């Protein structure tokens, strides 16, 4: 096998390595933006928002997006959990209302039956005497 006599200067190697890192960072940033766009449909476009302190002035926008994505996902998970709890509580309230309505109907029915029995007893009592 023959050995190549091509010599690549170190400054070119550094430039190629830097370009490879930039391409990887760009790809990661694109993935984060795609994920952020998917999550954006779950967030209202109006209202107030909590300001999140993101590192410092030297932090790049892709780094800030990467930092905020887990926070956003955690918040959305918490919102879904709370919404599920609210739905369960609404169902429990509706069940209590249904039971209260049935209890009221039962109490009214028993009251009406008691009045009718009392009327019948009084009618028989007045006829017997």
Protein backbone atom coordinates (compact mmCIF):
# COMPACT_ATOMS: atom_id res chain seq x y z
CA UNK A 1 0.00 0.00 0.00
CA UNK A 2 1.25 3.43 -0.81
CA UNK A 3 1.16 6.23 1.67
CA UNK A 4 -0.23 9.61 0.61
CA UNK A 5 2.13 12.53 0.69
CA UNK A 6 -0.69 15.04 1.03
CA UNK A 7 -0.24 17.27 4.03
CA UNK A 8 -3.26 19.24 5.32
CA UNK A 9 -2.25 22.36 7.24
CA UNK A 10 -3.48 22.46 10.87
CA UNK A 11 -5.43 25.70 10.32
CA UNK A 12 -7.54 23.92 7.66
CA UNK A 13 -8.17 21.03 10.04
CA UNK A 14 -9.32 23.51 12.71
CA UNK A 15 -11.60 25.23 10.21
CA UNK A 16 -13.10 21.92 9.10
CA UNK A 17 -13.64 20.88 12.74
CA UNK A 18 -15.24 24.24 13.50
CA UNK A 19 -17.54 23.85 10.50
CA UNK A 20 -18.52 20.34 11.60
CA UNK A 21 -19.37 21.68 15.09
CA UNK A 22 -21.40 24.53 13.58
CA UNK A 23 -23.36 22.11 11.38
CA UNK A 24 -24.08 19.89 14.41
CA UNK A 25 -25.18 22.95 16.43
CA UNK A 26 -27.39 24.07 13.54
CA UNK A 27 -28.99 20.64 13.28
CA UNK A 28 -29.61 20.58 17.04
CA UNK A 29 -31.10 24.10 16.88
CA UNK A 30 -33.42 23.06 14.03
CA UNK A 31 -34.58 20.06 16.06
CA UNK A 32 -35.27 22.33 19.05
CA UNK A 33 -37.22 24.79 16.89
CA UNK A 34 -39.31 21.96 15.44
CA UNK A 35 -40.04 20.71 18.95
CA UNK A 36 -40.88 24.24 20.12
CA UNK A 37 -43.25 24.68 17.17
CA UNK A 38 -45.01 21.43 18.09
CA UNK A 39 -45.38 22.57 21.70
CA UNK A 40 -46.58 26.04 20.67
CA UNK A 41 -49.97 24.64 19.69
CA UNK A 42 -50.52 23.78 23.35
CA UNK A 43 -49.79 27.29 24.62
CA UNK A 44 -52.27 30.17 24.29
CA UNK A 45 -51.14 33.10 22.21
CA UNK A 46 -52.41 35.66 24.71
CA UNK A 47 -52.15 36.28 28.41
CA UNK A 48 -49.27 36.82 30.77
CA UNK A 49 -46.16 34.69 30.96
CA UNK A 50 -43.52 34.20 33.56
CA UNK A 51 -40.10 35.55 32.57
CA UNK A 52 -37.43 32.88 32.70
CA UNK A 53 -33.88 33.99 33.44
CA UNK A 54 -31.73 32.43 30.73
CA UNK A 55 -28.03 32.34 31.53
CA UNK A 56 -26.39 35.57 30.41
CA UNK A 57 -25.89 37.88 27.45
CA UNK A 58 -23.38 35.46 25.92
CA UNK A 59 -25.97 32.71 25.62
CA UNK A 60 -26.98 32.23 22.00
CA UNK A 61 -30.65 32.03 20.96
CA UNK A 62 -30.36 28.29 20.14
CA UNK A 63 -28.94 27.69 23.61
CA UNK A 64 -31.80 29.67 25.14
CA UNK A 65 -34.34 27.60 23.19
CA UNK A 66 -32.61 24.41 24.36
CA UNK A 67 -32.76 25.69 27.95
CA UNK A 68 -36.45 26.64 27.83
CA UNK A 69 -37.79 23.48 26.11
CA UNK A 70 -37.59 21.21 29.20
CA UNK A 71 -39.18 23.94 31.32
CA UNK A 72 -42.02 24.34 28.82
CA UNK A 73 -42.55 20.59 28.61
CA UNK A 74 -42.65 20.34 32.41
CA UNK A 75 -45.19 23.18 32.63
CA UNK A 76 -47.41 21.61 29.95
CA UNK A 77 -47.27 18.27 31.75
CA UNK A 78 -48.32 19.98 34.98
CA UNK A 79 -51.16 21.78 33.17
CA UNK A 80 -52.42 18.46 31.72
CA UNK A 81 -52.27 16.88 35.19
CA UNK A 82 -54.22 19.77 36.73
CA UNK A 83 -56.79 19.71 33.90
CA UNK A 84 -57.30 15.98 34.49
CA UNK A 85 -57.82 16.64 38.21
CA UNK A 86 -60.33 19.40 37.41
CA UNK A 87 -62.25 17.10 35.07
CA UNK A 88 -62.36 14.39 37.74
CA UNK A 89 -63.64 16.92 40.28
CA UNK A 90 -66.32 18.14 37.85
CA UNK A 91 -67.45 14.53 37.42
CA UNK A 92 -67.56 14.10 41.21
CA UNK A 93 -69.60 17.31 41.55
CA UNK A 94 -72.06 16.12 38.89
CA UNK A 95 -72.40 12.79 40.71
CA UNK A 96 -73.09 14.61 44.00
CA UNK A 97 -75.70 16.79 42.27
CA UNK A 98 -77.34 13.68 40.80
CA UNK A 99 -77.43 11.99 44.22
CA UNK A 100 -78.82 15.15 45.84
CA UNK A 101 -81.56 15.34 43.21
CA UNK A 102 -82.45 11.69 43.77
CA UNK A 103 -82.48 12.24 47.53
CA UNK A 104 -84.79 15.23 47.16
CA UNK A 105 -87.15 13.24 44.94
CA UNK A 106 -87.13 10.40 47.48
CA UNK A 107 -87.79 12.76 50.41
CA UNK A 108 -90.63 14.49 48.57
CA UNK A 109 -92.11 11.11 47.62
CA UNK A 110 -91.92 9.90 51.22
CA UNK A 111 -93.43 13.16 52.45
CA UNK A 112 -96.31 12.94 49.96
CA UNK A 113 -96.86 9.28 50.87
CA UNK A 114 -96.89 10.17 54.59
CA UNK A 115 -99.45 12.94 54.00
CA UNK A 116 -101.65 10.57 51.96
CA UNK A 117 -101.45 7.91 54.64
CA UNK A 118 -102.30 10.50 57.28
CA UNK A 119 -105.28 11.68 55.21
CA UNK A 120 -106.52 8.11 54.74
CA UNK A 121 -106.11 7.36 58.44
CA UNK A 122 -107.98 10.52 59.38
CA UNK A 123 -110.79 9.71 56.93
CA UNK A 124 -111.17 6.22 58.36
CA UNK A 125 -110.94 7.55 61.90
CA UNK A 126 -113.67 10.12 61.28
CA UNK A 127 -115.96 7.49 59.72
CA UNK A 128 -115.43 4.99 62.48
CA UNK A 129 -116.20 7.41 65.27
